[in-house]
């Protein structure tokens, strides 16, 4: 399931070249919200795959 197009991510990053990090609030299955800070290059996989890490535990 996709909620936003990858082109939206690309457009945001192109329009804001000074952005180095993006802060996210993620709620895993445990239901406890957790803050995550992604580096610029880590944002695109969120749009492509719906996740930002490869099978890495919290």
N, C-alpha and C. Protein backbone atom coordinates (compact mmCIF):
# COMPACT_ATOMS: atom_id res chain seq x y z
N UNK A 1 0.84 -1.17 0.00
CA UNK A 1 0.00 0.00 0.00
C UNK A 1 0.89 1.24 0.00
N UNK A 2 0.61 2.17 -0.88
CA UNK A 2 1.39 3.40 -0.95
C UNK A 2 0.50 4.59 -0.63
N UNK A 3 1.03 5.50 0.14
CA UNK A 3 0.28 6.67 0.54
C UNK A 3 0.72 7.93 -0.18
N UNK A 4 1.94 7.95 -0.66
CA UNK A 4 2.47 9.12 -1.36
C UNK A 4 3.40 8.64 -2.47
N UNK A 5 3.43 9.38 -3.53
CA UNK A 5 4.28 9.02 -4.67
C UNK A 5 5.73 9.35 -4.37
N UNK A 6 6.63 8.54 -4.93
CA UNK A 6 8.07 8.77 -4.77
C UNK A 6 8.43 10.15 -5.34
N UNK A 7 7.72 10.56 -6.37
CA UNK A 7 7.99 11.87 -6.97
C UNK A 7 7.76 13.01 -5.97
N UNK A 8 6.86 12.80 -5.01
CA UNK A 8 6.63 13.81 -3.97
C UNK A 8 7.87 13.95 -3.09
N UNK A 9 8.49 12.84 -2.76
CA UNK A 9 9.73 12.85 -1.98
C UNK A 9 10.83 13.56 -2.74
N UNK A 10 10.99 13.18 -4.01
CA UNK A 10 12.02 13.79 -4.85
C UNK A 10 11.81 15.29 -4.99
N UNK A 11 10.56 15.71 -5.17
CA UNK A 11 10.26 17.13 -5.31
C UNK A 11 10.58 17.88 -4.02
N UNK A 12 10.24 17.28 -2.87
CA UNK A 12 10.53 17.92 -1.58
C UNK A 12 12.03 18.10 -1.39
N UNK A 13 12.79 17.03 -1.64
CA UNK A 13 14.24 17.10 -1.44
C UNK A 13 14.89 18.08 -2.42
N UNK A 14 14.39 18.14 -3.64
CA UNK A 14 14.93 19.09 -4.63
C UNK A 14 14.62 20.52 -4.23
N UNK A 15 13.44 20.75 -3.68
CA UNK A 15 13.03 22.11 -3.29
C UNK A 15 13.70 22.57 -2.00
N UNK A 16 14.20 21.62 -1.21
CA UNK A 16 14.81 21.95 0.09
C UNK A 16 16.19 21.30 0.22
N UNK A 17 17.16 21.77 -0.55
CA UNK A 17 18.48 21.13 -0.53
C UNK A 17 19.22 21.25 0.80
N UNK A 18 18.82 22.17 1.65
CA UNK A 18 19.50 22.34 2.94
C UNK A 18 19.04 21.33 3.99
N UNK A 19 17.95 20.64 3.74
CA UNK A 19 17.44 19.65 4.69
C UNK A 19 18.42 18.48 4.76
N UNK A 20 18.90 18.21 5.97
CA UNK A 20 19.83 17.11 6.18
C UNK A 20 19.17 15.92 6.86
N UNK A 21 18.15 16.20 7.69
CA UNK A 21 17.46 15.17 8.46
C UNK A 21 15.96 15.39 8.40
N UNK A 22 15.21 14.30 8.56
CA UNK A 22 13.76 14.36 8.66
C UNK A 22 13.38 13.58 9.91
N UNK A 23 12.56 14.18 10.76
CA UNK A 23 12.11 13.52 11.98
C UNK A 23 10.77 12.84 11.73
N UNK A 24 10.67 11.58 12.13
CA UNK A 24 9.44 10.80 11.99
C UNK A 24 8.98 10.32 13.35
N UNK A 25 7.68 10.12 13.48
CA UNK A 25 7.13 9.43 14.64
C UNK A 25 6.50 8.16 14.09
N UNK A 26 7.00 7.02 14.54
CA UNK A 26 6.57 5.72 14.04
C UNK A 26 5.95 4.94 15.19
N UNK A 27 4.83 4.29 14.91
CA UNK A 27 4.19 3.45 15.92
C UNK A 27 4.30 2.00 15.46
N UNK A 28 5.18 1.20 16.08
CA UNK A 28 5.30 -0.21 15.72
C UNK A 28 4.14 -1.02 16.29
N UNK A 29 4.17 -2.31 16.10
CA UNK A 29 3.09 -3.17 16.58
C UNK A 29 2.87 -3.09 18.09
N UNK A 30 3.90 -2.73 18.83
CA UNK A 30 3.76 -2.61 20.28
C UNK A 30 2.86 -1.45 20.68
N UNK A 31 2.66 -0.51 19.74
CA UNK A 31 1.79 0.63 20.01
C UNK A 31 2.47 1.79 20.70
N UNK A 32 3.76 1.67 20.94
CA UNK A 32 4.51 2.74 21.60
C UNK A 32 5.14 3.63 20.54
N UNK A 33 4.72 4.89 20.45
CA UNK A 33 5.30 5.79 19.44
C UNK A 33 6.79 6.02 19.71
N UNK A 34 7.55 6.01 18.64
CA UNK A 34 8.99 6.22 18.75
C UNK A 34 9.42 7.24 17.72
N UNK A 35 10.30 8.10 18.12
CA UNK A 35 10.84 9.09 17.21
C UNK A 35 12.06 8.55 16.49
N UNK A 36 12.13 8.83 15.22
CA UNK A 36 13.28 8.42 14.42
C UNK A 36 13.75 9.61 13.59
N UNK A 37 15.03 9.75 13.49
CA UNK A 37 15.62 10.81 12.66
C UNK A 37 16.29 10.13 11.48
N UNK A 38 15.80 10.44 10.28
CA UNK A 38 16.37 9.86 9.07
C UNK A 38 17.27 10.86 8.38
N UNK A 39 18.38 10.36 7.87
CA UNK A 39 19.23 11.21 7.04
C UNK A 39 18.56 11.38 5.69
N UNK A 40 18.95 12.36 4.99
CA UNK A 40 18.34 12.73 3.71
C UNK A 40 18.18 11.54 2.76
N UNK A 41 19.23 10.75 2.61
CA UNK A 41 19.18 9.62 1.68
C UNK A 41 18.31 8.46 2.18
N UNK A 42 17.93 8.48 3.44
CA UNK A 42 17.11 7.41 4.00
C UNK A 42 15.61 7.66 3.83
N UNK A 43 15.23 8.83 3.34
CA UNK A 43 13.82 9.18 3.22
C UNK A 43 13.13 8.46 2.06
N UNK A 44 13.81 8.32 0.94
CA UNK A 44 13.19 7.74 -0.25
C UNK A 44 12.66 6.32 -0.02
N UNK A 45 13.37 5.43 0.69
CA UNK A 45 12.82 4.09 0.95
C UNK A 45 11.48 4.10 1.70
N UNK A 46 11.23 5.13 2.49
CA UNK A 46 9.94 5.23 3.17
C UNK A 46 8.83 5.35 2.13
N UNK A 47 9.07 6.12 1.10
CA UNK A 47 8.08 6.29 0.04
C UNK A 47 8.02 5.06 -0.87
N UNK A 48 9.15 4.41 -1.09
CA UNK A 48 9.21 3.26 -1.99
C UNK A 48 8.68 1.98 -1.34
N UNK A 49 9.07 1.75 -0.09
CA UNK A 49 8.79 0.47 0.56
C UNK A 49 7.90 0.58 1.78
N UNK A 50 7.66 1.80 2.25
CA UNK A 50 6.85 1.98 3.44
C UNK A 50 7.62 1.74 4.73
N UNK A 51 8.92 1.60 4.62
CA UNK A 51 9.75 1.40 5.80
C UNK A 51 11.10 2.06 5.55
N UNK A 52 11.86 2.23 6.60
CA UNK A 52 13.14 2.92 6.44
C UNK A 52 14.33 2.11 6.89
N UNK A 53 14.10 0.87 7.31
CA UNK A 53 15.24 0.04 7.70
C UNK A 53 15.00 -1.39 7.23
N UNK A 54 16.06 -2.10 6.98
CA UNK A 54 15.97 -3.50 6.52
C UNK A 54 15.99 -4.45 7.69
N UNK A 55 14.87 -4.94 8.08
CA UNK A 55 14.75 -6.00 9.08
C UNK A 55 15.65 -5.76 10.29
N UNK A 56 15.80 -4.53 10.67
CA UNK A 56 16.63 -4.18 11.81
C UNK A 56 15.71 -3.96 13.00
N UNK A 57 16.05 -4.51 14.13
CA UNK A 57 15.19 -4.34 15.30
C UNK A 57 15.33 -2.93 15.84
N UNK A 58 14.34 -2.52 16.57
CA UNK A 58 14.34 -1.19 17.18
C UNK A 58 15.38 -1.17 18.25
